[in-house]
PDB file of N, CA and C in Angstrom:
ATOM      1  N   MET A   1     -50.237  42.998  37.063  1.00  0.00           N
ATOM      2  CA  MET A   1     -49.450  44.540  37.092  1.00  0.00           C
ATOM      3  C   MET A   1     -50.409  44.795  37.662  1.00  0.00           C
ATOM      4  N   LEU A   2     -52.561  44.294  38.475  1.00  0.00           N
ATOM      5  CA  LEU A   2     -52.821  44.962  39.221  1.00  0.00           C
ATOM      6  C   LEU A   2     -51.630  44.546  40.634  1.00  0.00           C
ATOM      7  N   ASN A   3     -51.216  42.627  40.494  1.00  0.00           N
ATOM      8  CA  ASN A   3     -51.021  42.532  41.276  1.00  0.00           C
ATOM      9  C   ASN A   3     -49.484  43.069  42.337  1.00  0.00           C
ATOM     10  N   PHE A   4     -48.985  43.645  41.177  1.00  0.00           N
ATOM     11  CA  PHE A   4     -47.277  44.736  41.109  1.00  0.00           C
ATOM     12  C   PHE A   4     -48.184  45.356  42.026  1.00  0.00           C
ATOM     13  N   PHE A   5     -49.536  46.301  41.922  1.00  0.00           N
ATOM     14  CA  PHE A   5     -49.886  47.294  42.970  1.00  0.00           C
ATOM     15  C   PHE A   5     -49.280  46.341  44.270  1.00  0.00           C
ATOM     16  N   ARG A   6     -50.476  45.635  44.023  1.00  0.00           N
ATOM     17  CA  ARG A   6     -50.865  45.076  46.153  1.00  0.00           C
ATOM     18  C   ARG A   6     -49.731  44.635  46.238  1.00  0.00           C
ATOM     19  N   LEU A   7     -48.940  44.418  45.640  1.00  0.00           N
ATOM     20  CA  LEU A   7     -47.714  43.866  46.045  1.00  0.00           C
ATOM     21  C   LEU A   7     -46.904  44.957  46.137  1.00  0.00           C
ATOM     22  N   LEU A   8     -46.398  46.195  46.454  1.00  0.00           N
ATOM     23  CA  LEU A   8     -45.656  47.254  46.471  1.00  0.00           C
ATOM     24  C   LEU A   8     -46.601  47.870  47.173  1.00  0.00           C
ATOM     25  N   LYS A   9     -48.174  48.443  47.504  1.00  0.00           N
ATOM     26  CA  LYS A   9     -48.463  48.753  48.908  1.00  0.00           C
ATOM     27  C   LYS A   9     -47.612  47.773  49.523  1.00  0.00           C
ATOM     28  N   HIS A  10     -48.647  46.212  50.094  1.00  0.00           N
ATOM     29  CA  HIS A  10     -48.085  45.792  50.528  1.00  0.00           C
ATOM     30  C   HIS A  10     -46.631  46.169  51.414  1.00  0.00           C
ATOM     31  N   ILE A  11     -45.983  46.014  50.921  1.00  0.00           N
ATOM     32  CA  ILE A  11     -44.214  46.123  50.835  1.00  0.00           C
ATOM     33  C   ILE A  11     -44.230  47.436  51.308  1.00  0.00           C
ATOM     34  N   ILE A  12     -44.862  48.411  51.275  1.00  0.00           N
ATOM     35  CA  ILE A  12     -44.460  50.317  52.277  1.00  0.00           C
ATOM     36  C   ILE A  12     -45.458  50.184  53.367  1.00  0.00           C
ATOM     37  N   PHE A  13     -46.768  49.051  53.604  1.00  0.00           N
ATOM     38  CA  PHE A  13     -47.188  49.459  54.785  1.00  0.00           C
ATOM     39  C   PHE A  13     -46.913  48.522  56.104  1.00  0.00           C
ATOM     40  N   SER A  14     -46.304  47.337  54.990  1.00  0.00           N
ATOM     41  CA  SER A  14     -45.501  46.660  56.377  1.00  0.00           C
ATOM     42  C   SER A  14     -44.065  46.825  56.284  1.00  0.00           C
ATOM     43  N   ALA A  15     -43.753  47.386  56.132  1.00  0.00           N
ATOM     44  CA  ALA A  15     -41.914  48.017  56.007  1.00  0.00           C
ATOM     45  C   ALA A  15     -42.761  49.342  57.491  1.00  0.00           C
ATOM     46  N   TRP A  16     -43.445  50.958  56.843  1.00  0.00           N
ATOM     47  CA  TRP A  16     -44.221  51.264  58.108  1.00  0.00           C
ATOM     48  C   TRP A  16     -44.888  51.165  59.155  1.00  0.00           C
ATOM     49  N   LYS A  17     -44.803  50.153  59.347  1.00  0.00           N
ATOM     50  CA  LYS A  17     -45.578  48.432  60.960  1.00  0.00           C
ATOM     51  C   LYS A  17     -44.484  48.478  61.236  1.00  0.00           C
ATOM     52  N   ASN A  18     -43.648  47.609  60.388  1.00  0.00           N
ATOM     53  CA  ASN A  18     -42.503  46.311  60.848  1.00  0.00           C
ATOM     54  C   ASN A  18     -41.165  47.282  61.322  1.00  0.00           C
ATOM     55  N   ALA A  19     -40.760  48.926  61.531  1.00  0.00           N
ATOM     56  CA  ALA A  19     -39.815  49.207  61.358  1.00  0.00           C
ATOM     57  C   ALA A  19     -39.684  50.264  61.645  1.00  0.00           C
ATOM     58  N   SER A  20     -38.284  51.019  62.298  1.00  0.00           N
ATOM     59  CA  SER A  20     -38.398  52.211  62.549  1.00  0.00           C
ATOM     60  C   SER A  20     -38.608  53.573  61.703  1.00  0.00           C
ATOM     61  N   PRO A  21     -39.436  54.097  61.758  1.00  0.00           N
ATOM     62  CA  PRO A  21     -39.147  55.166  61.309  1.00  0.00           C
ATOM     63  C   PRO A  21     -37.936  56.108  60.214  1.00  0.00           C
ATOM     64  N   VAL A  22     -37.134  56.025  60.700  1.00  0.00           N
ATOM     65  CA  VAL A  22     -36.123  56.274  60.077  1.00  0.00           C
ATOM     66  C   VAL A  22     -35.772  54.819  58.672  1.00  0.00           C
ATOM     67  N   GLN A  23     -36.230  53.761  59.247  1.00  0.00           N
ATOM     68  CA  GLN A  23     -36.061  52.415  57.785  1.00  0.00           C
ATOM     69  C   GLN A  23     -36.721  52.709  57.331  1.00  0.00           C
ATOM     70  N   ALA A  24     -38.028  53.155  57.835  1.00  0.00           N
ATOM     71  CA  ALA A  24     -39.093  52.825  56.640  1.00  0.00           C
ATOM     72  C   ALA A  24     -39.337  54.202  56.452  1.00  0.00           C
ATOM     73  N   ALA A  25     -39.230  55.734  56.305  1.00  0.00           N
ATOM     74  CA  ALA A  25     -38.260  56.766  55.511  1.00  0.00           C
ATOM     75  C   ALA A  25     -37.221  55.710  54.516  1.00  0.00           C
ATOM     76  N   LEU A  26     -36.384  56.019  54.628  1.00  0.00           N
ATOM     77  CA  LEU A  26     -35.246  54.779  54.054  1.00  0.00           C
ATOM     78  C   LEU A  26     -35.939  54.133  52.558  1.00  0.00           C
ATOM     79  N   ILE A  27     -36.260  52.662  53.119  1.00  0.00           N
ATOM     80  CA  ILE A  27     -37.456  52.464  52.038  1.00  0.00           C
ATOM     81  C   ILE A  27     -37.985  52.744  51.526  1.00  0.00           C
ATOM     82  N   THR A  28     -38.711  53.573  51.882  1.00  0.00           N
ATOM     83  CA  THR A  28     -40.398  54.293  50.870  1.00  0.00           C
ATOM     84  C   THR A  28     -38.848  54.952  49.773  1.00  0.00           C
ATOM     85  N   ALA A  29     -37.731  55.652  50.274  1.00  0.00           N
ATOM     86  CA  ALA A  29     -37.235  56.728  49.385  1.00  0.00           C
ATOM     87  C   ALA A  29     -36.694  56.243  48.460  1.00  0.00           C
ATOM     88  N   ILE A  30     -36.213  54.443  48.824  1.00  0.00           N
ATOM     89  CA  ILE A  30     -35.727  53.971  47.543  1.00  0.00           C
ATOM     90  C   ILE A  30     -36.312  53.207  46.344  1.00  0.00           C
ATOM     91  N   LEU A  31     -37.949  52.893  47.357  1.00  0.00           N
ATOM     92  CA  LEU A  31     -38.313  52.576  46.193  1.00  0.00           C
ATOM     93  C   LEU A  31     -39.372  53.430  45.425  1.00  0.00           C
ATOM     94  N   LEU A  32     -39.419  54.501  45.057  1.00  0.00           N
ATOM     95  CA  LEU A  32     -39.921  55.646  44.700  1.00  0.00           C
ATOM     96  C   LEU A  32     -38.778  56.386  44.078  1.00  0.00           C
ATOM     97  N   ALA A  33     -37.198  56.044  44.747  1.00  0.00           N
ATOM     98  CA  ALA A  33     -36.372  56.092  43.531  1.00  0.00           C
ATOM     99  C   ALA A  33     -35.966  55.724  42.275  1.00  0.00           C
ATOM    100  N   ILE A  34     -36.292  54.034  42.710  1.00  0.00           N
ATOM    101  CA  ILE A  34     -36.629  52.904  41.692  1.00  0.00           C
ATOM    102  C   ILE A  34     -37.642  53.059  40.610  1.00  0.00           C
ATOM    103  N   ILE A  35     -39.301  53.549  40.888  1.00  0.00           N
ATOM    104  CA  ILE A  35     -39.981  53.787  40.292  1.00  0.00           C
ATOM    105  C   ILE A  35     -39.744  55.006  39.696  1.00  0.00           C
ATOM    106  N   ILE A  36     -38.752  55.632  40.559  1.00  0.00           N
ATOM    107  CA  ILE A  36     -38.851  57.075  38.678  1.00  0.00           C
ATOM    108  C   ILE A  36     -38.320  57.139  37.996  1.00  0.00           C
ATOM    109  N   ILE A  37     -36.750  56.156  38.245  1.00  0.00           N
ATOM    110  CA  ILE A  37     -35.156  55.624  37.077  1.00  0.00           C
ATOM    111  C   ILE A  37     -36.492  55.141  36.181  1.00  0.00           C
ATOM    112  N   LEU A  38     -37.993  53.870  36.552  1.00  0.00           N
ATOM    113  CA  LEU A  38     -38.647  52.839  35.409  1.00  0.00           C
ATOM    114  C   LEU A  38     -39.037  53.954  34.480  1.00  0.00           C
ATOM    115  N   ILE A  39     -39.336  54.647  35.177  1.00  0.00           N
ATOM    116  CA  ILE A  39     -41.240  56.020  34.159  1.00  0.00           C
ATOM    117  C   ILE A  39     -39.928  56.755  33.763  1.00  0.00           C
ATOM    118  N   ILE A  40     -39.234  57.225  34.092  1.00  0.00           N
ATOM    119  CA  ILE A  40     -37.781  57.806  32.885  1.00  0.00           C
ATOM    120  C   ILE A  40     -37.683  56.805  31.610  1.00  0.00           C
ATOM    121  N   SER A  41     -36.933  55.330  32.589  1.00  0.00           N
ATOM    122  CA  SER A  41     -36.648  54.747  31.633  1.00  0.00           C
ATOM    123  C   SER A  41     -37.131  54.174  30.017  1.00  0.00           C
ATOM    124  N   VAL A  42     -38.940  54.265  30.318  1.00  0.00           N
ATOM    125  CA  VAL A  42     -39.798  53.791  30.284  1.00  0.00           C
ATOM    126  C   VAL A  42     -40.216  54.548  29.114  1.00  0.00           C
ATOM    127  N   VAL A  43     -39.714  55.919  29.185  1.00  0.00           N
ATOM    128  CA  VAL A  43     -40.692  56.554  28.394  1.00  0.00           C
ATOM    129  C   VAL A  43     -38.987  56.943  27.364  1.00  0.00           C
ATOM    130  N   GLN A  44     -38.279  56.513  28.125  1.00  0.00           N
ATOM    131  CA  GLN A  44     -36.830  56.908  27.272  1.00  0.00           C
ATOM    132  C   GLN A  44     -37.170  56.312  26.096  1.00  0.00           C
ATOM    133  N   VAL A  45     -37.283  55.115  26.493  1.00  0.00           N
ATOM    134  CA  VAL A  45     -37.451  53.441  24.673  1.00  0.00           C
ATOM    135  C   VAL A  45     -39.069  54.094  24.231  1.00  0.00           C
ATOM    136  N   ILE A  46     -40.030  54.360  24.706  1.00  0.00           N
ATOM    137  CA  ILE A  46     -40.413  54.416  23.811  1.00  0.00           C
ATOM    138  C   ILE A  46     -40.959  55.734  22.751  1.00  0.00           C
ATOM    139  N   VAL A  47     -40.559  56.571  23.093  1.00  0.00           N
ATOM    140  CA  VAL A  47     -40.530  58.182  22.321  1.00  0.00           C
ATOM    141  C   VAL A  47     -40.397  58.316  21.479  1.00  0.00           C
ATOM    142  N   PRO A  48     -39.085  57.849  21.357  1.00  0.00           N
ATOM    143  CA  PRO A  48     -38.336  57.389  19.591  1.00  0.00           C
ATOM    144  C   PRO A  48     -38.286  55.994  19.122  1.00  0.00           C
ATOM    145  N   PHE A  49     -39.864  55.180  19.134  1.00  0.00           N
ATOM    146  CA  PHE A  49     -40.338  55.030  18.857  1.00  0.00           C
ATOM    147  C   PHE A  49     -42.119  54.717  17.764  1.00  0.00           C
ATOM    148  N   THR A  50     -42.288  56.252  18.811  1.00  0.00           N
ATOM    149  CA  THR A  50     -43.740  56.882  17.912  1.00  0.00           C
ATOM    150  C   THR A  50     -42.029  58.257  17.317  1.00  0.00           C
ATOM    151  N   TYR A  51     -41.995  58.032  17.143  1.00  0.00           N
ATOM    152  CA  TYR A  51     -41.718  59.066  16.283  1.00  0.00           C
ATOM    153  C   TYR A  51     -40.877  58.507  15.368  1.00  0.00           C
ATOM    154  N   ILE A  52     -40.230  57.471  15.444  1.00  0.00           N
ATOM    155  CA  ILE A  52     -40.397  56.273  13.764  1.00  0.00           C
ATOM    156  C   ILE A  52     -41.241  56.240  13.493  1.00  0.00           C
ATOM    157  N   ALA A  53     -42.859  55.322  13.992  1.00  0.00           N
ATOM    158  CA  ALA A  53     -43.607  55.337  13.463  1.00  0.00           C
ATOM    159  C   ALA A  53     -44.871  56.530  13.022  1.00  0.00           C
ATOM    160  N   ILE A  54     -44.969  57.475  13.424  1.00  0.00           N
ATOM    161  CA  ILE A  54     -44.902  59.164  12.636  1.00  0.00           C
ATOM    162  C   ILE A  54     -44.304  59.003  11.095  1.00  0.00           C
TER     163      ILE A  54
END
C-alpha cells in the first residue's frame, strides 16, 4: 500500500515537472477523479456488508 502512494506521488510530481501547466493540471484532475470514484465504489461495497454483519 505504501508503494502505491509512493508511485502516485511520483506520477504527480513528475507530471508537474515535465509537462506544461495545463497538461499537469489535467493529469492531476483525472487522477483525483479516479481516486474519488474508487473511494465511493469501495464505500458502496463495504457498507452493505456491515449491515449484514450487524
